[in-house]
Every structure is written in C-alpha cells, then in structure tokens.
C-alpha cells in the first residue's frame, strides 16, 4: 500500500483491516500465529478433547473419524493438515478444534516484526487484497482468495455488485513497472474483466456499474 500511495495521489491511504484476538477468541480466528511450543500446546488441547469425546459414546462414524484424527495429532500434525475423507470430516466438523485452521509458526526474528508477521498470517489465512486508488483515498480491500470480480464489488458496496457491468483491472506488477495508474493505461496494461474473473492479489481495480 505504501508503494501504491507514492505513485497515485490521494488524500489518505487505508490499509486492509486485520483484527488480532487473544486465546479466548481462538475458535473464531482465521489463522493462528504462535511459536513451536505453542503449536504443541494446541495439539495437546485437541488430543484432550478427543479423549473426552471418545468417552461419551459417540456414533460409530464419529468415533472412527476421531480415532483417525488422534493418530494424526499424535504424529504432530494439526487437524487442518490431517488428510481425512469427506465423510470423516463431516463427522467431526461440528467440533471447534484449536488446530483446524492455518497455523503460522513464527521465529524469534518474525515475532520481533509484528507488521510482517500480520501480513504472513493474513496470506496464510487465505485472504488477498485488491486496490482502489485516487481521489479521496487509496485503499486495500481484503477478500478471500478465489473471489470473483462480481463478489469483490460487493466488498465495497452491494450496489456495485447488483449493477455490475465490468471491472477495469491493472495487475500490480504492471502498475509498479509502469510507474503509476495513468502510465499503465498508456502502456495498454488495463484489462476489462467480467463477473467470473478471479481477483488476484493487489489487482488495481475500478468497477463500472449501473446505479
């Protein structure tokens, strides 16, 4: 975002918003950032839960899935990493396992650089950003990876999604290489994309829509 703000004049810049929560909100988090000891502690908590659940007479399907998970966890895999059949996943999806999400194991150096660590966690969580620039603000909009142009418009306002015509896209590398939005357009780097286009990280985007 800083580099973008240098190349396109705007009154302010707005970074993608990331909420950092503590252990009490771990279940609702998209990603966990911890050290190696912390991962082992989370795996241990999941193993404790499985032992408790197995003692409560689960269904045969759930019991089989829990036993498979137990084996994976005892091998220092997380629930997120465990390769289970779809039926097994369905049998235990109701449970809020601590390790059923991406886990970033941070080094001491990374822990000393919280901004970089947030970016790493953001990406590991399966999120990307697209950019809108010029005028009142340059802004990074967070969206899940795999989001279409039509869905991305709704991240700004539902009216854009409802009246979507097209998205005018400049790839971030083309934008930086050209030296700005106007320069990229002059170099014929802007593309017209329709609803199904899958957004890429840092796409410079302008939506056209019926109001």
N, C-alpha and C. Protein backbone atom coordinates (compact mmCIF):
# COMPACT_ATOMS: atom_id res chain seq x y z
N UNK A 1 0.82 -1.20 0.00
CA UNK A 1 0.00 0.00 0.00
C UNK A 1 0.86 1.26 0.00
N UNK A 2 1.98 1.21 0.69
CA UNK A 2 2.87 2.38 0.76
C UNK A 2 3.40 2.74 -0.62
N UNK A 3 3.81 1.72 -1.38
CA UNK A 3 4.35 1.97 -2.71
C UNK A 3 3.26 2.52 -3.63
N UNK A 4 2.06 1.99 -3.50
CA UNK A 4 0.92 2.49 -4.29
C UNK A 4 0.65 3.95 -4.00
N UNK A 5 0.71 4.31 -2.73
CA UNK A 5 0.43 5.69 -2.32
C UNK A 5 1.47 6.67 -2.87
N UNK A 6 2.69 6.17 -3.09
CA UNK A 6 3.72 7.03 -3.67
C UNK A 6 3.43 7.33 -5.15
N UNK A 7 2.75 6.40 -5.82
CA UNK A 7 2.55 6.52 -7.26
C UNK A 7 1.21 7.14 -7.64
N UNK A 8 0.24 7.10 -6.75
CA UNK A 8 -1.08 7.67 -7.04
C UNK A 8 -1.45 8.62 -5.91
N UNK A 9 -1.72 9.86 -6.27
CA UNK A 9 -2.04 10.87 -5.27
C UNK A 9 -3.45 10.66 -4.73
N UNK A 10 -3.59 10.72 -3.43
CA UNK A 10 -4.89 10.63 -2.77
C UNK A 10 -4.77 11.32 -1.41
N UNK A 11 -5.92 11.68 -0.84
CA UNK A 11 -5.90 12.41 0.42
C UNK A 11 -5.42 11.53 1.58
N UNK A 12 -5.69 10.23 1.49
CA UNK A 12 -5.25 9.33 2.56
C UNK A 12 -5.10 7.91 2.01
N UNK A 13 -4.43 7.07 2.77
CA UNK A 13 -4.30 5.65 2.42
C UNK A 13 -4.93 4.82 3.54
N UNK A 14 -5.59 3.75 3.13
CA UNK A 14 -6.28 2.89 4.10
C UNK A 14 -5.82 1.46 3.89
N UNK A 15 -5.19 0.91 4.91
CA UNK A 15 -4.70 -0.46 4.82
C UNK A 15 -5.85 -1.45 5.04
N UNK A 16 -5.65 -2.68 4.60
CA UNK A 16 -6.60 -3.75 4.92
C UNK A 16 -6.65 -3.91 6.44
N UNK A 17 -7.85 -4.05 6.98
CA UNK A 17 -8.01 -4.13 8.42
C UNK A 17 -7.89 -5.59 8.89
N UNK A 18 -7.05 -5.82 9.88
CA UNK A 18 -6.86 -7.14 10.45
C UNK A 18 -7.09 -7.06 11.95
N UNK A 19 -7.95 -7.93 12.46
CA UNK A 19 -8.22 -7.98 13.90
C UNK A 19 -7.34 -9.04 14.55
N UNK A 20 -6.62 -8.63 15.57
CA UNK A 20 -5.78 -9.56 16.33
C UNK A 20 -6.52 -9.89 17.62
N UNK A 21 -6.75 -11.19 17.86
CA UNK A 21 -7.51 -11.60 19.04
C UNK A 21 -6.66 -12.50 19.91
N UNK A 22 -7.08 -12.66 21.15
CA UNK A 22 -6.35 -13.50 22.10
C UNK A 22 -6.86 -14.93 22.11
N UNK A 23 -6.35 -15.71 23.04
CA UNK A 23 -6.71 -17.13 23.12
C UNK A 23 -8.19 -17.36 23.37
N UNK A 24 -8.84 -16.40 24.02
CA UNK A 24 -10.26 -16.58 24.34
C UNK A 24 -11.14 -16.52 23.09
N UNK A 25 -10.61 -16.00 21.98
CA UNK A 25 -11.37 -15.95 20.73
C UNK A 25 -10.72 -16.80 19.64
N UNK A 26 -9.92 -17.75 20.07
CA UNK A 26 -9.17 -18.59 19.13
C UNK A 26 -10.08 -19.35 18.17
N UNK A 27 -11.21 -19.82 18.65
CA UNK A 27 -12.10 -20.65 17.83
C UNK A 27 -12.58 -19.89 16.60
N UNK A 28 -12.81 -18.59 16.72
CA UNK A 28 -13.35 -17.79 15.62
C UNK A 28 -12.27 -17.20 14.72
N UNK A 29 -11.01 -17.42 15.04
CA UNK A 29 -9.91 -16.83 14.26
C UNK A 29 -9.75 -17.55 12.93
N UNK A 30 -9.27 -16.82 11.92
CA UNK A 30 -8.99 -17.41 10.60
C UNK A 30 -7.64 -18.10 10.57
N UNK A 31 -6.76 -17.72 11.48
CA UNK A 31 -5.39 -18.22 11.46
C UNK A 31 -4.81 -18.06 12.86
N UNK A 32 -3.87 -18.93 13.20
CA UNK A 32 -3.18 -18.84 14.49
C UNK A 32 -1.71 -18.55 14.24
N UNK A 33 -1.18 -17.57 14.94
CA UNK A 33 0.25 -17.27 14.89
C UNK A 33 0.83 -17.61 16.25
N UNK A 34 1.83 -18.49 16.26
CA UNK A 34 2.41 -18.93 17.52
C UNK A 34 3.83 -19.41 17.28
N UNK A 35 4.50 -19.87 18.34
CA UNK A 35 5.83 -20.47 18.18
C UNK A 35 5.69 -21.99 18.24
N UNK A 36 6.79 -22.72 18.15
CA UNK A 36 6.75 -24.18 18.10
C UNK A 36 6.12 -24.77 19.37
N UNK A 37 6.44 -24.22 20.51
CA UNK A 37 5.86 -24.71 21.76
C UNK A 37 4.35 -24.48 21.78
N UNK A 38 3.94 -23.36 21.21
CA UNK A 38 2.52 -23.05 21.18
C UNK A 38 1.73 -24.03 20.32
N UNK A 39 2.32 -24.46 19.21
CA UNK A 39 1.65 -25.45 18.34
C UNK A 39 1.45 -26.75 19.09
N UNK A 40 2.47 -27.21 19.79
CA UNK A 40 2.37 -28.45 20.55
C UNK A 40 1.29 -28.36 21.62
N UNK A 41 1.18 -27.19 22.25
CA UNK A 41 0.15 -27.00 23.26
C UNK A 41 -1.25 -27.08 22.66
N UNK A 42 -1.42 -26.50 21.47
CA UNK A 42 -2.72 -26.56 20.80
C UNK A 42 -3.07 -27.98 20.38
N UNK A 43 -2.06 -28.71 19.90
CA UNK A 43 -2.28 -30.12 19.52
C UNK A 43 -2.68 -30.92 20.76
N UNK A 44 -2.02 -30.65 21.88
CA UNK A 44 -2.34 -31.35 23.13
C UNK A 44 -3.78 -31.06 23.55
N UNK A 45 -4.23 -29.83 23.40
CA UNK A 45 -5.61 -29.49 23.75
C UNK A 45 -6.60 -30.26 22.88
N UNK A 46 -6.29 -30.39 21.59
CA UNK A 46 -7.18 -31.14 20.70
C UNK A 46 -7.19 -32.63 21.07
N UNK A 47 -6.04 -33.17 21.46
CA UNK A 47 -5.98 -34.57 21.89
C UNK A 47 -6.80 -34.79 23.15
N UNK A 48 -6.73 -33.84 24.07
CA UNK A 48 -7.54 -33.94 25.29
C UNK A 48 -9.03 -33.94 24.96
N UNK A 49 -9.41 -33.08 24.03
CA UNK A 49 -10.82 -33.02 23.63
C UNK A 49 -11.26 -34.34 23.02
N UNK A 50 -10.42 -34.92 22.15
CA UNK A 50 -10.77 -36.18 21.50
C UNK A 50 -10.94 -37.28 22.54
N UNK A 51 -10.04 -37.37 23.52
CA UNK A 51 -10.16 -38.38 24.57
C UNK A 51 -11.47 -38.22 25.33
N UNK A 52 -11.82 -36.96 25.63
CA UNK A 52 -13.08 -36.70 26.33
C UNK A 52 -14.27 -37.12 25.49
N UNK A 53 -14.21 -36.77 24.20
CA UNK A 53 -15.33 -37.09 23.31
C UNK A 53 -15.48 -38.60 23.11
N UNK A 54 -14.37 -39.30 23.00
CA UNK A 54 -14.42 -40.76 22.83
C UNK A 54 -15.03 -41.45 24.05
N UNK A 55 -14.93 -40.81 25.20
CA UNK A 55 -15.52 -41.37 26.42
C UNK A 55 -17.00 -41.10 26.58
N UNK A 56 -17.57 -40.42 25.60
CA UNK A 56 -19.00 -40.06 25.68
C UNK A 56 -19.86 -40.80 24.66
N UNK A 57 -19.42 -41.97 24.28
CA UNK A 57 -20.19 -42.85 23.39
C UNK A 57 -20.63 -42.16 22.10
N UNK A 58 -19.67 -41.70 21.29
CA UNK A 58 -20.03 -41.07 20.01
C UNK A 58 -20.57 -42.12 19.03
N UNK A 59 -21.15 -41.65 17.94
CA UNK A 59 -21.64 -42.57 16.91
C UNK A 59 -20.45 -43.31 16.30
N UNK A 60 -20.69 -44.47 15.68
CA UNK A 60 -19.58 -45.20 15.06
C UNK A 60 -18.82 -44.37 14.04
N UNK A 61 -19.53 -43.54 13.26
CA UNK A 61 -18.89 -42.70 12.25
C UNK A 61 -17.98 -41.66 12.90
N UNK A 62 -18.51 -41.02 13.97
CA UNK A 62 -17.70 -40.00 14.65
C UNK A 62 -16.51 -40.64 15.36
N UNK A 63 -16.72 -41.78 15.98
CA UNK A 63 -15.63 -42.46 16.68
C UNK A 63 -14.49 -42.81 15.73
N UNK A 64 -14.85 -43.33 14.55
CA UNK A 64 -13.82 -43.69 13.58
C UNK A 64 -13.03 -42.46 13.13
N UNK A 65 -13.73 -41.36 12.89
CA UNK A 65 -13.07 -40.12 12.47
C UNK A 65 -12.18 -39.57 13.58
N UNK A 66 -12.66 -39.63 14.82
CA UNK A 66 -11.88 -39.13 15.95
C UNK A 66 -10.60 -39.95 16.15
N UNK A 67 -10.69 -41.25 15.97
CA UNK A 67 -9.51 -42.09 16.12
C UNK A 67 -8.48 -41.80 15.04
N UNK A 68 -8.95 -41.53 13.82
CA UNK A 68 -8.04 -41.15 12.74
C UNK A 68 -7.35 -39.82 13.07
N UNK A 69 -8.14 -38.88 13.56
CA UNK A 69 -7.57 -37.58 13.94
C UNK A 69 -6.56 -37.73 15.07
N UNK A 70 -6.88 -38.58 16.02
CA UNK A 70 -5.98 -38.80 17.15
C UNK A 70 -4.62 -39.28 16.66
N UNK A 71 -4.62 -40.21 15.71
CA UNK A 71 -3.37 -40.72 15.15
C UNK A 71 -2.57 -39.61 14.49
N UNK A 72 -3.26 -38.75 13.72
CA UNK A 72 -2.58 -37.64 13.04
C UNK A 72 -1.98 -36.66 14.06
N UNK A 73 -2.76 -36.33 15.08
CA UNK A 73 -2.29 -35.39 16.09
C UNK A 73 -1.11 -35.94 16.87
N UNK A 74 -1.14 -37.23 17.16
CA UNK A 74 -0.03 -37.85 17.88
C UNK A 74 1.24 -37.86 17.03
N UNK A 75 1.08 -37.71 15.72
CA UNK A 75 2.22 -37.57 14.83
C UNK A 75 2.59 -36.12 14.58
N UNK A 76 2.10 -35.22 15.44
CA UNK A 76 2.39 -33.78 15.39
C UNK A 76 1.81 -33.08 14.17
N UNK A 77 0.78 -33.68 13.57
CA UNK A 77 0.01 -32.98 12.54
C UNK A 77 -1.10 -32.19 13.22
N UNK A 78 -1.56 -31.14 12.56
CA UNK A 78 -2.72 -30.41 13.06
C UNK A 78 -3.99 -30.98 12.42
N UNK A 79 -5.12 -30.62 12.96
CA UNK A 79 -6.40 -31.04 12.37
C UNK A 79 -6.52 -30.48 10.96
N UNK A 80 -6.06 -29.26 10.76
CA UNK A 80 -6.12 -28.62 9.45
C UNK A 80 -5.29 -29.39 8.42
N UNK A 81 -4.16 -29.93 8.85
CA UNK A 81 -3.27 -30.65 7.94
C UNK A 81 -3.70 -32.09 7.70
N UNK A 82 -4.49 -32.63 8.60
CA UNK A 82 -4.85 -34.04 8.53
C UNK A 82 -5.64 -34.34 7.25
N UNK A 83 -5.21 -35.35 6.54
CA UNK A 83 -5.89 -35.74 5.31
C UNK A 83 -6.96 -36.78 5.64
N UNK A 84 -8.21 -36.31 5.71
CA UNK A 84 -9.33 -37.17 6.03
C UNK A 84 -10.29 -37.26 4.85
N UNK A 85 -10.99 -38.38 4.78
CA UNK A 85 -12.05 -38.50 3.77
C UNK A 85 -13.16 -37.51 4.08
N UNK A 86 -13.93 -37.17 3.06
CA UNK A 86 -15.00 -36.19 3.24
C UNK A 86 -15.99 -36.63 4.31
N UNK A 87 -16.30 -37.92 4.35
CA UNK A 87 -17.24 -38.43 5.35
C UNK A 87 -16.69 -38.26 6.76
N UNK A 88 -15.38 -38.49 6.92
CA UNK A 88 -14.77 -38.32 8.24
C UNK A 88 -14.79 -36.86 8.66
N UNK A 89 -14.48 -35.97 7.72
CA UNK A 89 -14.54 -34.53 8.03
C UNK A 89 -15.94 -34.14 8.46
N UNK A 90 -16.92 -34.65 7.73
CA UNK A 90 -18.32 -34.32 8.06
C UNK A 90 -18.72 -34.80 9.44
N UNK A 91 -18.12 -35.91 9.89
CA UNK A 91 -18.48 -36.48 11.19
C UNK A 91 -17.95 -35.66 12.36
N UNK A 92 -16.90 -34.85 12.12
CA UNK A 92 -16.30 -34.09 13.23
C UNK A 92 -16.32 -32.58 13.00
N UNK A 93 -16.92 -32.14 11.91
CA UNK A 93 -16.94 -30.71 11.60
C UNK A 93 -17.62 -29.87 12.66
N UNK A 94 -18.51 -30.48 13.42
CA UNK A 94 -19.26 -29.73 14.43
C UNK A 94 -18.34 -29.28 15.58
N UNK A 95 -17.20 -29.94 15.73
CA UNK A 95 -16.31 -29.64 16.84
C UNK A 95 -15.34 -28.50 16.51
N UNK A 96 -15.09 -27.65 17.49
CA UNK A 96 -14.22 -26.49 17.30
C UNK A 96 -12.80 -26.83 17.75
N UNK A 97 -12.07 -27.56 16.92
CA UNK A 97 -10.70 -27.92 17.25
C UNK A 97 -9.79 -26.69 17.19
N UNK A 98 -8.83 -26.63 18.09
CA UNK A 98 -7.90 -25.50 18.13
C UNK A 98 -7.04 -25.42 16.87
N UNK A 99 -6.70 -26.57 16.29
CA UNK A 99 -5.75 -26.58 15.17
C UNK A 99 -6.44 -26.80 13.83
N UNK A 100 -7.75 -26.58 13.77
CA UNK A 100 -8.46 -26.75 12.49
C UNK A 100 -8.47 -25.45 11.70
N UNK A 101 -7.31 -24.89 11.52
CA UNK A 101 -7.12 -23.64 10.77
C UNK A 101 -5.63 -23.49 10.47
N UNK A 102 -5.27 -22.65 9.51
CA UNK A 102 -3.84 -22.46 9.23
C UNK A 102 -3.10 -21.97 10.48
N UNK A 103 -1.92 -22.51 10.69
CA UNK A 103 -1.09 -22.11 11.83
C UNK A 103 0.26 -21.64 11.31
N UNK A 104 0.61 -20.43 11.67
CA UNK A 104 1.90 -19.85 11.30
C UNK A 104 2.84 -20.00 12.49
N UNK A 105 3.91 -20.74 12.28
CA UNK A 105 4.91 -20.90 13.34
C UNK A 105 5.96 -19.81 13.15
N UNK A 106 5.98 -18.88 14.06
CA UNK A 106 6.84 -17.71 13.93
C UNK A 106 8.20 -17.93 14.60
N UNK A 107 9.24 -17.47 13.94
CA UNK A 107 10.57 -17.49 14.52
C UNK A 107 10.73 -16.29 15.45
N UNK A 108 11.81 -16.27 16.20
CA UNK A 108 12.06 -15.13 17.10
C UNK A 108 12.19 -13.84 16.31
N UNK A 109 12.83 -13.93 15.13
CA UNK A 109 13.00 -12.74 14.30
C UNK A 109 11.64 -12.22 13.82
N UNK A 110 10.78 -13.15 13.44
CA UNK A 110 9.45 -12.74 12.96
C UNK A 110 8.61 -12.15 14.09
N UNK A 111 8.73 -12.70 15.27
CA UNK A 111 7.99 -12.16 16.41
C UNK A 111 8.41 -10.73 16.73
N UNK A 112 9.64 -10.37 16.34
CA UNK A 112 10.14 -9.02 16.58
C UNK A 112 9.66 -8.03 15.52
N UNK A 113 8.99 -8.53 14.48
CA UNK A 113 8.49 -7.67 13.39
C UNK A 113 6.99 -7.94 13.21
N UNK A 114 6.16 -7.39 14.09
CA UNK A 114 4.73 -7.72 14.08
C UNK A 114 4.01 -7.36 12.79
N UNK A 115 4.43 -6.29 12.12
CA UNK A 115 3.77 -5.91 10.86
C UNK A 115 3.96 -6.99 9.80
N UNK A 116 5.19 -7.45 9.63
CA UNK A 116 5.47 -8.50 8.66
C UNK A 116 4.76 -9.80 9.04
N UNK A 117 4.67 -10.05 10.33
CA UNK A 117 4.01 -11.27 10.81
C UNK A 117 2.51 -11.22 10.53
N UNK A 118 1.92 -10.04 10.64
CA UNK A 118 0.50 -9.88 10.31
C UNK A 118 0.25 -10.17 8.84
N UNK A 119 1.13 -9.67 7.98
CA UNK A 119 0.99 -9.92 6.54
C UNK A 119 1.09 -11.41 6.25
N UNK A 120 2.03 -12.08 6.88
CA UNK A 120 2.20 -13.52 6.68
C UNK A 120 0.97 -14.28 7.15
N UNK A 121 0.46 -13.92 8.32
CA UNK A 121 -0.74 -14.57 8.83
C UNK A 121 -1.96 -14.32 7.95
N UNK A 122 -2.06 -13.11 7.43
CA UNK A 122 -3.16 -12.73 6.54
C UNK A 122 -3.17 -13.62 5.30
N UNK A 123 -2.00 -13.82 4.70
CA UNK A 123 -1.91 -14.64 3.50
C UNK A 123 -2.17 -16.11 3.81
N UNK A 124 -1.63 -16.59 4.92
CA UNK A 124 -1.84 -17.99 5.30
C UNK A 124 -3.31 -18.27 5.60
N UNK A 125 -4.04 -17.24 5.98
CA UNK A 125 -5.47 -17.40 6.27
C UNK A 125 -6.31 -17.54 5.01
N UNK A 126 -5.67 -17.34 3.85
CA UNK A 126 -6.42 -17.46 2.60
C UNK A 126 -7.05 -16.17 2.14
N UNK A 127 -6.51 -15.05 2.58
CA UNK A 127 -7.02 -13.74 2.17
C UNK A 127 -6.04 -13.04 1.23
N UNK A 128 -6.58 -12.20 0.36
CA UNK A 128 -5.79 -11.33 -0.50
C UNK A 128 -6.41 -9.94 -0.44
N UNK A 129 -5.84 -8.99 -1.17
CA UNK A 129 -6.40 -7.64 -1.25
C UNK A 129 -6.51 -7.21 -2.71
N UNK A 130 -7.50 -6.38 -3.00
CA UNK A 130 -7.46 -5.62 -4.24
C UNK A 130 -7.41 -4.14 -3.87
N UNK A 131 -6.96 -3.32 -4.79
CA UNK A 131 -6.72 -1.90 -4.51
C UNK A 131 -7.64 -1.01 -5.32
N UNK A 132 -8.13 0.05 -4.68
CA UNK A 132 -8.78 1.14 -5.40
C UNK A 132 -7.98 2.40 -5.10
N UNK A 133 -7.76 3.23 -6.10
CA UNK A 133 -6.84 4.35 -5.92
C UNK A 133 -7.41 5.66 -6.46
N UNK A 134 -6.82 6.74 -5.96
CA UNK A 134 -7.14 8.07 -6.47
C UNK A 134 -8.27 8.74 -5.73
N UNK A 135 -8.33 10.08 -5.86
CA UNK A 135 -9.40 10.84 -5.24
C UNK A 135 -9.23 10.96 -3.75
N UNK A 136 -10.26 10.57 -3.00
CA UNK A 136 -10.23 10.76 -1.55
C UNK A 136 -9.31 9.79 -0.83
N UNK A 137 -9.11 8.58 -1.40
CA UNK A 137 -8.27 7.63 -0.69
C UNK A 137 -7.72 6.55 -1.61
N UNK A 138 -6.57 6.02 -1.23
CA UNK A 138 -6.05 4.78 -1.77
C UNK A 138 -6.34 3.70 -0.73
N UNK A 139 -7.02 2.64 -1.15
CA UNK A 139 -7.48 1.66 -0.15
C UNK A 139 -7.21 0.24 -0.60
N UNK A 140 -6.83 -0.59 0.37
CA UNK A 140 -6.70 -2.03 0.16
C UNK A 140 -7.94 -2.71 0.74
N UNK A 141 -8.62 -3.50 -0.09
CA UNK A 141 -9.85 -4.18 0.32
C UNK A 141 -9.57 -5.67 0.52
N UNK A 142 -9.75 -6.21 1.72
CA UNK A 142 -9.49 -7.64 1.93
C UNK A 142 -10.63 -8.51 1.40
N UNK A 143 -10.29 -9.58 0.71
CA UNK A 143 -11.27 -10.54 0.19
C UNK A 143 -10.64 -11.94 0.28
N UNK A 144 -11.47 -12.98 0.38
CA UNK A 144 -10.91 -14.34 0.35
C UNK A 144 -10.31 -14.65 -1.02
N UNK A 145 -9.21 -15.38 -1.04
CA UNK A 145 -8.64 -15.83 -2.31
C UNK A 145 -9.70 -16.64 -3.06
N UNK A 146 -9.77 -16.44 -4.37
CA UNK A 146 -10.79 -17.11 -5.17
C UNK A 146 -12.03 -16.29 -5.41
N UNK A 147 -12.08 -15.08 -4.84
CA UNK A 147 -13.23 -14.19 -5.02
C UNK A 147 -13.30 -13.69 -6.45
N UNK A 148 -14.50 -13.67 -7.02
CA UNK A 148 -14.69 -13.17 -8.38
C UNK A 148 -14.81 -11.65 -8.37
N UNK A 149 -14.68 -11.06 -9.54
CA UNK A 149 -14.81 -9.60 -9.67
C UNK A 149 -16.18 -9.14 -9.19
N UNK A 150 -17.20 -9.91 -9.54
CA UNK A 150 -18.57 -9.56 -9.13
C UNK A 150 -18.70 -9.56 -7.61
N UNK A 151 -18.11 -10.57 -6.95
CA UNK A 151 -18.16 -10.64 -5.50
C UNK A 151 -17.31 -9.54 -4.86
N UNK A 152 -16.20 -9.22 -5.48
CA UNK A 152 -15.32 -8.17 -4.95
C UNK A 152 -16.02 -6.82 -4.94
N UNK A 153 -16.83 -6.57 -5.96
CA UNK A 153 -17.59 -5.32 -5.98
C UNK A 153 -18.46 -5.19 -4.75
N UNK A 154 -19.04 -6.31 -4.31
CA UNK A 154 -19.88 -6.29 -3.12
C UNK A 154 -19.12 -6.00 -1.84
N UNK A 155 -17.79 -6.21 -1.85
CA UNK A 155 -16.98 -5.89 -0.68
C UNK A 155 -16.95 -4.39 -0.44
N UNK A 156 -17.14 -3.61 -1.51
CA UNK A 156 -17.18 -2.16 -1.38
C UNK A 156 -18.60 -1.69 -1.07
N UNK A 157 -19.55 -2.15 -1.88
CA UNK A 157 -20.95 -1.77 -1.67
C UNK A 157 -21.84 -2.73 -2.45
N UNK A 158 -22.96 -3.09 -1.87
CA UNK A 158 -23.89 -4.02 -2.53
C UNK A 158 -24.41 -3.46 -3.85
N UNK A 159 -24.48 -2.13 -3.98
CA UNK A 159 -24.96 -1.52 -5.23
C UNK A 159 -24.02 -1.84 -6.40
N UNK A 160 -22.72 -1.92 -6.12
CA UNK A 160 -21.75 -2.26 -7.18
C UNK A 160 -21.99 -3.68 -7.67
N UNK A 161 -22.25 -4.57 -6.74
CA UNK A 161 -22.50 -5.97 -7.11
C UNK A 161 -23.81 -6.10 -7.88
N UNK A 162 -24.83 -5.41 -7.43
CA UNK A 162 -26.14 -5.51 -8.09
C UNK A 162 -26.09 -4.95 -9.52
N UNK A 163 -25.39 -3.84 -9.70
CA UNK A 163 -25.37 -3.19 -11.02
C UNK A 163 -24.11 -3.46 -11.81
N UNK A 164 -23.36 -4.48 -11.43
CA UNK A 164 -22.05 -4.76 -12.03
C UNK A 164 -22.10 -4.81 -13.56
N UNK A 165 -21.20 -4.07 -14.19
CA UNK A 165 -21.04 -4.13 -15.65
C UNK A 165 -19.71 -4.80 -15.98
N UNK A 166 -18.64 -4.27 -15.42
CA UNK A 166 -17.31 -4.83 -15.66
C UNK A 166 -16.34 -4.28 -14.61
N UNK A 167 -15.18 -4.91 -14.56
CA UNK A 167 -14.10 -4.42 -13.71
C UNK A 167 -12.91 -4.06 -14.58
N UNK A 168 -12.37 -2.89 -14.38
CA UNK A 168 -11.17 -2.46 -15.09
C UNK A 168 -9.97 -2.78 -14.21
N UNK A 169 -9.13 -3.69 -14.68
CA UNK A 169 -8.06 -4.27 -13.86
C UNK A 169 -6.68 -3.92 -14.41
N UNK A 170 -5.80 -3.51 -13.51
CA UNK A 170 -4.37 -3.39 -13.83
C UNK A 170 -3.63 -4.27 -12.82
N UNK A 171 -2.88 -5.24 -13.32
CA UNK A 171 -2.10 -6.08 -12.43
C UNK A 171 -1.08 -5.26 -11.66
N UNK A 172 -0.81 -5.66 -10.42
CA UNK A 172 0.06 -4.85 -9.56
C UNK A 172 1.47 -4.70 -10.14
N UNK A 173 2.01 -5.78 -10.67
CA UNK A 173 3.36 -5.68 -11.24
C UNK A 173 3.39 -4.73 -12.43
N UNK A 174 2.34 -4.77 -13.25
CA UNK A 174 2.26 -3.84 -14.38
C UNK A 174 2.16 -2.40 -13.89
N UNK A 175 1.39 -2.20 -12.83
CA UNK A 175 1.22 -0.87 -12.23
C UNK A 175 2.55 -0.31 -11.73
N UNK A 176 3.29 -1.14 -11.00
CA UNK A 176 4.58 -0.71 -10.45
C UNK A 176 5.59 -0.48 -11.57
N UNK A 177 5.63 -1.39 -12.52
CA UNK A 177 6.60 -1.28 -13.62
C UNK A 177 6.35 -0.04 -14.46
N UNK A 178 5.08 0.29 -14.67
CA UNK A 178 4.74 1.46 -15.48
C UNK A 178 4.98 2.76 -14.73
N UNK A 179 4.94 2.69 -13.40
CA UNK A 179 5.16 3.90 -12.60
C UNK A 179 3.91 4.65 -12.22
N UNK A 180 2.75 3.99 -12.30
CA UNK A 180 1.51 4.63 -11.91
C UNK A 180 0.33 4.14 -12.71
N UNK A 181 -0.86 4.53 -12.28
CA UNK A 181 -2.08 4.08 -12.95
C UNK A 181 -2.19 4.67 -14.36
N UNK A 182 -2.00 5.97 -14.50
CA UNK A 182 -2.10 6.61 -15.82
C UNK A 182 -1.08 6.03 -16.78
N UNK A 183 0.13 5.83 -16.28
CA UNK A 183 1.20 5.30 -17.12
C UNK A 183 0.89 3.87 -17.57
N UNK A 184 0.28 3.06 -16.66
CA UNK A 184 -0.08 1.69 -17.01
C UNK A 184 -1.17 1.67 -18.07
N UNK A 185 -2.11 2.59 -17.99
CA UNK A 185 -3.16 2.67 -19.01
C UNK A 185 -2.56 3.05 -20.36
N UNK A 186 -1.62 3.99 -20.34
CA UNK A 186 -0.97 4.40 -21.59
C UNK A 186 -0.17 3.25 -22.21
N UNK A 187 0.32 2.35 -21.35
CA UNK A 187 1.08 1.20 -21.83
C UNK A 187 0.15 0.03 -22.19
N UNK A 188 -1.14 0.30 -22.18
CA UNK A 188 -2.15 -0.70 -22.55
C UNK A 188 -2.13 -1.91 -21.61
N UNK A 189 -1.95 -1.64 -20.30
CA UNK A 189 -1.91 -2.71 -19.32
C UNK A 189 -3.25 -2.90 -18.59
N UNK A 190 -4.21 -2.04 -18.88
CA UNK A 190 -5.52 -2.20 -18.24
C UNK A 190 -6.35 -3.23 -19.01
N UNK A 191 -7.01 -4.13 -18.28
CA UNK A 191 -7.86 -5.15 -18.87
C UNK A 191 -9.29 -4.95 -18.44
N UNK A 192 -10.23 -5.33 -19.29
CA UNK A 192 -11.64 -5.31 -18.95
C UNK A 192 -12.06 -6.73 -18.59
N UNK A 193 -12.50 -6.92 -17.36
CA UNK A 193 -12.88 -8.25 -16.88
C UNK A 193 -14.36 -8.27 -16.49
N UNK A 194 -14.99 -9.43 -16.69
CA UNK A 194 -16.41 -9.58 -16.40
C UNK A 194 -16.59 -10.31 -15.06
N UNK A 195 -17.83 -10.62 -14.72
CA UNK A 195 -18.18 -11.17 -13.42
C UNK A 195 -17.34 -12.37 -12.98
N UNK A 196 -17.07 -13.34 -13.88
CA UNK A 196 -16.39 -14.56 -13.40
C UNK A 196 -14.90 -14.40 -13.12
N UNK A 197 -14.31 -13.27 -13.49
CA UNK A 197 -12.86 -13.10 -13.31
C UNK A 197 -12.48 -13.32 -11.84
N UNK A 198 -11.46 -14.13 -11.61
CA UNK A 198 -10.98 -14.38 -10.25
C UNK A 198 -9.92 -13.34 -9.90
N UNK A 199 -10.20 -12.58 -8.87
CA UNK A 199 -9.31 -11.49 -8.47
C UNK A 199 -7.95 -12.02 -8.03
N UNK A 200 -6.90 -11.26 -8.38
CA UNK A 200 -5.54 -11.59 -7.98
C UNK A 200 -5.05 -10.59 -6.94
N UNK A 201 -4.09 -11.02 -6.14
CA UNK A 201 -3.60 -10.17 -5.06
C UNK A 201 -3.08 -8.84 -5.59
N UNK A 202 -3.55 -7.76 -4.99
CA UNK A 202 -3.16 -6.39 -5.30
C UNK A 202 -3.61 -5.91 -6.69
N UNK A 203 -4.62 -6.56 -7.27
CA UNK A 203 -5.19 -6.02 -8.51
C UNK A 203 -5.65 -4.58 -8.29
N UNK A 204 -5.22 -3.68 -9.16
CA UNK A 204 -5.70 -2.30 -9.15
C UNK A 204 -7.04 -2.31 -9.88
N UNK A 205 -8.11 -1.91 -9.21
CA UNK A 205 -9.45 -2.19 -9.72
C UNK A 205 -10.34 -0.96 -9.74
N UNK A 206 -11.07 -0.81 -10.85
CA UNK A 206 -12.11 0.21 -10.95
C UNK A 206 -13.36 -0.49 -11.47
N UNK A 207 -14.46 -0.37 -10.72
CA UNK A 207 -15.70 -1.04 -11.10
C UNK A 207 -16.61 -0.09 -11.88
N UNK A 208 -17.18 -0.62 -12.95
CA UNK A 208 -18.23 0.08 -13.68
C UNK A 208 -19.55 -0.62 -13.38
N UNK A 209 -20.56 0.15 -13.01
CA UNK A 209 -21.83 -0.48 -12.62
C UNK A 209 -22.99 0.50 -12.87
N UNK A 210 -24.16 -0.08 -13.05
CA UNK A 210 -25.38 0.70 -13.19
C UNK A 210 -25.87 1.13 -11.82
N UNK A 211 -26.14 2.42 -11.68
CA UNK A 211 -26.59 2.92 -10.38
C UNK A 211 -28.11 2.84 -10.28
